[in-house]
PDB file of N, CA and C in Angstrom:
ATOM      1  N   MET A   1       0.384  -1.310   0.882  1.00  0.00           N
ATOM      2  CA  MET A   1       0.512   0.426  -0.041  1.00  0.00           C
ATOM      3  C   MET A   1       0.761   0.810  -0.004  1.00  0.00           C
ATOM      4  N   ARG A   2       0.533   2.406  -0.652  1.00  0.00           N
ATOM      5  CA  ARG A   2       1.074   3.468  -1.063  1.00  0.00           C
ATOM      6  C   ARG A   2       0.899   4.364   0.683  1.00  0.00           C
ATOM      7  N   ILE A   3       1.692   4.965   0.587  1.00  0.00           N
ATOM      8  CA  ILE A   3       1.858   5.805   2.100  1.00  0.00           C
ATOM      9  C   ILE A   3       1.352   7.643   1.143  1.00  0.00           C
ATOM     10  N   VAL A   4       0.326   7.717   1.677  1.00  0.00           N
ATOM     11  CA  VAL A   4       0.632   8.693   1.887  1.00  0.00           C
ATOM     12  C   VAL A   4       0.151   9.960   2.476  1.00  0.00           C
ATOM     13  N   LYS A   5       1.955  11.068   2.041  1.00  0.00           N
ATOM     14  CA  LYS A   5       2.077  12.442   2.841  1.00  0.00           C
ATOM     15  C   LYS A   5       0.818  13.007   2.427  1.00  0.00           C
ATOM     16  N   LEU A   6       0.237  13.983   3.199  1.00  0.00           N
ATOM     17  CA  LEU A   6       0.304  15.186   3.928  1.00  0.00           C
ATOM     18  C   LEU A   6       0.949  16.567   3.434  1.00  0.00           C
ATOM     19  N   THR A   7       0.523  17.067   2.402  1.00  0.00           N
ATOM     20  CA  THR A   7       1.025  18.856   2.259  1.00  0.00           C
ATOM     21  C   THR A   7       1.228  19.574   3.424  1.00  0.00           C
ATOM     22  N   PRO A   8       1.903  20.142   3.381  1.00  0.00           N
ATOM     23  CA  PRO A   8       1.346  21.794   4.959  1.00  0.00           C
ATOM     24  C   PRO A   8       0.242  21.939   4.306  1.00  0.00           C
ATOM     25  N   LYS A   9      -0.509  22.522   3.437  1.00  0.00           N
ATOM     26  CA  LYS A   9      -1.397  23.410   3.379  1.00  0.00           C
ATOM     27  C   LYS A   9      -3.014  22.230   3.854  1.00  0.00           C
ATOM     28  N   ALA A  10      -2.144  20.912   3.904  1.00  0.00           N
ATOM     29  CA  ALA A  10      -3.927  20.075   3.717  1.00  0.00           C
ATOM     30  C   ALA A  10      -3.442  19.921   5.539  1.00  0.00           C
ATOM     31  N   ASN A  11      -2.249  19.723   5.994  1.00  0.00           N
ATOM     32  CA  ASN A  11      -2.409  19.753   7.339  1.00  0.00           C
ATOM     33  C   ASN A  11      -3.161  21.032   7.828  1.00  0.00           C
ATOM     34  N   ASP A  12      -2.423  22.016   7.382  1.00  0.00           N
ATOM     35  CA  ASP A  12      -3.382  22.817   8.109  1.00  0.00           C
ATOM     36  C   ASP A  12      -4.549  23.951   8.557  1.00  0.00           C
ATOM     37  N   ASP A  13      -4.964  22.941   7.669  1.00  0.00           N
ATOM     38  CA  ASP A  13      -6.336  22.581   6.896  1.00  0.00           C
ATOM     39  C   ASP A  13      -7.123  21.550   7.619  1.00  0.00           C
ATOM     40  N   LEU A  14      -6.617  20.680   7.589  1.00  0.00           N
ATOM     41  CA  LEU A  14      -6.957  19.557   8.967  1.00  0.00           C
ATOM     42  C   LEU A  14      -6.563  19.852  10.551  1.00  0.00           C
ATOM     43  N   THR A  15      -6.243  21.183  10.707  1.00  0.00           N
ATOM     44  CA  THR A  15      -5.702  21.327  12.005  1.00  0.00           C
ATOM     45  C   THR A  15      -6.573  22.366  12.117  1.00  0.00           C
ATOM     46  N   ALA A  16      -7.061  23.127  11.060  1.00  0.00           N
ATOM     47  CA  ALA A  16      -8.120  24.265  11.564  1.00  0.00           C
ATOM     48  C   ALA A  16      -9.637  23.680  11.593  1.00  0.00           C
ATOM     49  N   ILE A  17     -10.169  22.406  10.695  1.00  0.00           N
ATOM     50  CA  ILE A  17     -11.057  21.241  10.651  1.00  0.00           C
ATOM     51  C   ILE A  17     -11.071  21.154  12.569  1.00  0.00           C
ATOM     52  N   TRP A  18      -9.438  20.416  13.082  1.00  0.00           N
ATOM     53  CA  TRP A  18      -9.631  19.939  14.400  1.00  0.00           C
ATOM     54  C   TRP A  18      -9.886  20.997  15.427  1.00  0.00           C
ATOM     55  N   ASP A  19      -9.404  21.967  15.064  1.00  0.00           N
ATOM     56  CA  ASP A  19      -9.962  23.342  15.947  1.00  0.00           C
ATOM     57  C   ASP A  19     -11.682  23.455  15.842  1.00  0.00           C
ATOM     58  N   TYR A  20     -11.831  23.892  14.726  1.00  0.00           N
ATOM     59  CA  TYR A  20     -13.577  24.264  15.088  1.00  0.00           C
ATOM     60  C   TYR A  20     -14.170  23.411  15.205  1.00  0.00           C
ATOM     61  N   GLY A  21     -14.310  22.034  15.035  1.00  0.00           N
ATOM     62  CA  GLY A  21     -14.924  20.825  15.667  1.00  0.00           C
ATOM     63  C   GLY A  21     -14.306  21.102  17.456  1.00  0.00           C
ATOM     64  N   LEU A  22     -13.637  20.730  17.887  1.00  0.00           N
ATOM     65  CA  LEU A  22     -13.461  22.007  19.103  1.00  0.00           C
ATOM     66  C   LEU A  22     -14.226  21.622  19.878  1.00  0.00           C
ATOM     67  N   LEU A  23     -13.822  23.469  18.973  1.00  0.00           N
ATOM     68  CA  LEU A  23     -14.571  25.155  19.881  1.00  0.00           C
ATOM     69  C   LEU A  23     -16.173  24.389  19.364  1.00  0.00           C
ATOM     70  N   HIS A  24     -16.524  23.841  18.059  1.00  0.00           N
ATOM     71  CA  HIS A  24     -17.859  24.241  18.603  1.00  0.00           C
ATOM     72  C   HIS A  24     -19.162  22.668  18.263  1.00  0.00           C
ATOM     73  N   PHE A  25     -18.048  21.539  18.639  1.00  0.00           N
ATOM     74  CA  PHE A  25     -19.089  20.589  19.526  1.00  0.00           C
ATOM     75  C   PHE A  25     -17.489  19.640  20.251  1.00  0.00           C
ATOM     76  N   GLY A  26     -16.724  19.455  20.395  1.00  0.00           N
ATOM     77  CA  GLY A  26     -16.386  19.379  21.649  1.00  0.00           C
ATOM     78  C   GLY A  26     -14.857  17.944  21.835  1.00  0.00           C
ATOM     79  N   LYS A  27     -14.773  17.708  22.280  1.00  0.00           N
ATOM     80  CA  LYS A  27     -12.849  16.798  21.014  1.00  0.00           C
ATOM     81  C   LYS A  27     -13.334  15.314  21.412  1.00  0.00           C
ATOM     82  N   ALA A  28     -14.273  14.869  21.669  1.00  0.00           N
ATOM     83  CA  ALA A  28     -15.097  13.523  20.727  1.00  0.00           C
ATOM     84  C   ALA A  28     -15.314  13.501  19.805  1.00  0.00           C
ATOM     85  N   GLN A  29     -16.470  14.343  19.478  1.00  0.00           N
ATOM     86  CA  GLN A  29     -16.810  14.470  18.301  1.00  0.00           C
ATOM     87  C   GLN A  29     -15.380  15.134  17.109  1.00  0.00           C
ATOM     88  N   ALA A  30     -14.563  16.165  17.512  1.00  0.00           N
ATOM     89  CA  ALA A  30     -13.384  16.166  16.484  1.00  0.00           C
ATOM     90  C   ALA A  30     -12.333  15.080  16.329  1.00  0.00           C
ATOM     91  N   GLU A  31     -12.678  14.292  17.625  1.00  0.00           N
ATOM     92  CA  GLU A  31     -11.745  13.624  16.874  1.00  0.00           C
ATOM     93  C   GLU A  31     -12.144  12.440  15.470  1.00  0.00           C
ATOM     94  N   ILE A  32     -13.646  12.147  16.066  1.00  0.00           N
ATOM     95  CA  ILE A  32     -14.358  11.875  15.216  1.00  0.00           C
ATOM     96  C   ILE A  32     -14.331  12.455  13.692  1.00  0.00           C
ATOM     97  N   ILE A  33     -14.452  13.856  13.113  1.00  0.00           N
ATOM     98  CA  ILE A  33     -14.235  14.768  12.230  1.00  0.00           C
ATOM     99  C   ILE A  33     -13.099  13.748  10.811  1.00  0.00           C
ATOM    100  N   ILE A  34     -12.523  14.504  12.250  1.00  0.00           N
ATOM    101  CA  ILE A  34     -10.941  14.120  11.222  1.00  0.00           C
ATOM    102  C   ILE A  34     -10.334  12.090  11.710  1.00  0.00           C
ATOM    103  N   ILE A  35     -10.871  11.139  11.943  1.00  0.00           N
ATOM    104  CA  ILE A  35     -11.007  10.198  11.977  1.00  0.00           C
ATOM    105  C   ILE A  35     -11.309   9.725  11.173  1.00  0.00           C
ATOM    106  N   ARG A  36     -12.456  10.130  10.480  1.00  0.00           N
ATOM    107  CA  ARG A  36     -13.908  10.335   8.932  1.00  0.00           C
ATOM    108  C   ARG A  36     -12.452  10.702   8.317  1.00  0.00           C
ATOM    109  N   ILE A  37     -12.599  11.444   8.154  1.00  0.00           N
ATOM    110  CA  ILE A  37     -11.366  12.255   7.154  1.00  0.00           C
ATOM    111  C   ILE A  37     -10.273  11.258   6.492  1.00  0.00           C
ATOM    112  N   LEU A  38      -9.944  11.260   7.807  1.00  0.00           N
ATOM    113  CA  LEU A  38      -8.504  10.533   7.240  1.00  0.00           C
ATOM    114  C   LEU A  38      -8.742   9.080   6.596  1.00  0.00           C
ATOM    115  N   GLY A  39      -9.513   8.696   7.107  1.00  0.00           N
ATOM    116  CA  GLY A  39     -10.631   7.341   6.565  1.00  0.00           C
ATOM    117  C   GLY A  39     -11.398   7.383   5.693  1.00  0.00           C
ATOM    118  N   GLN A  40     -11.528   8.452   4.406  1.00  0.00           N
ATOM    119  CA  GLN A  40     -11.572   8.336   3.400  1.00  0.00           C
ATOM    120  C   GLN A  40     -10.278   8.785   2.602  1.00  0.00           C
ATOM    121  N   SER A  41      -9.191   9.295   3.087  1.00  0.00           N
ATOM    122  CA  SER A  41      -7.807   9.603   2.671  1.00  0.00           C
ATOM    123  C   SER A  41      -7.387   8.068   2.028  1.00  0.00           C
ATOM    124  N   GLN A  42      -7.606   7.455   2.791  1.00  0.00           N
ATOM    125  CA  GLN A  42      -7.329   5.674   3.021  1.00  0.00           C
ATOM    126  C   GLN A  42      -8.506   5.234   2.151  1.00  0.00           C
ATOM    127  N   ASP A  43      -9.415   5.264   1.862  1.00  0.00           N
ATOM    128  CA  ASP A  43     -10.142   4.663   0.714  1.00  0.00           C
ATOM    129  C   ASP A  43      -9.442   5.028  -0.705  1.00  0.00           C
ATOM    130  N   VAL A  44      -9.238   6.628  -0.688  1.00  0.00           N
ATOM    131  CA  VAL A  44      -8.990   6.782  -2.321  1.00  0.00           C
ATOM    132  C   VAL A  44      -7.887   5.995  -2.097  1.00  0.00           C
ATOM    133  N   ASN A  45      -6.810   6.447  -1.467  1.00  0.00           N
ATOM    134  CA  ASN A  45      -5.417   5.613  -1.682  1.00  0.00           C
ATOM    135  C   ASN A  45      -5.169   4.344  -2.075  1.00  0.00           C
ATOM    136  N   ARG A  46      -6.910   3.606  -1.119  1.00  0.00           N
ATOM    137  CA  ARG A  46      -6.578   1.921  -1.893  1.00  0.00           C
ATOM    138  C   ARG A  46      -7.692   2.143  -3.228  1.00  0.00           C
ATOM    139  N   HIS A  47      -8.063   2.356  -3.180  1.00  0.00           N
ATOM    140  CA  HIS A  47      -8.665   2.900  -4.796  1.00  0.00           C
ATOM    141  C   HIS A  47      -7.941   2.949  -6.075  1.00  0.00           C
ATOM    142  N   LEU A  48      -7.059   3.721  -5.938  1.00  0.00           N
ATOM    143  CA  LEU A  48      -5.522   4.738  -6.692  1.00  0.00           C
ATOM    144  C   LEU A  48      -5.178   2.943  -7.448  1.00  0.00           C
ATOM    145  N   HIS A  49      -4.979   3.122  -5.789  1.00  0.00           N
ATOM    146  CA  HIS A  49      -3.277   1.361  -5.527  1.00  0.00           C
ATOM    147  C   HIS A  49      -4.056   0.462  -6.145  1.00  0.00           C
ATOM    148  N   TRP A  50      -5.459   0.395  -6.359  1.00  0.00           N
ATOM    149  CA  TRP A  50      -5.630  -0.870  -7.421  1.00  0.00           C
ATOM    150  C   TRP A  50      -6.394  -0.815  -9.231  1.00  0.00           C
ATOM    151  N   GLN A  51      -5.844   0.688  -8.867  1.00  0.00           N
ATOM    152  CA  GLN A  51      -6.325   1.326 -10.825  1.00  0.00           C
ATOM    153  C   GLN A  51      -4.478   0.808 -11.554  1.00  0.00           C
TER     154      GLN A  51
END
């Protein structure tokens, strides 16, 4: 499986999403949001790997 490296901008975006989620929904929900986003990126990675 390929390793997906985040660009600095993508990392900054995830940090901003985390901060927003933490502020508006709490730590548990912020974690869920980030885990789901990272999970989706792994799904994309798997799809690209099979083509």
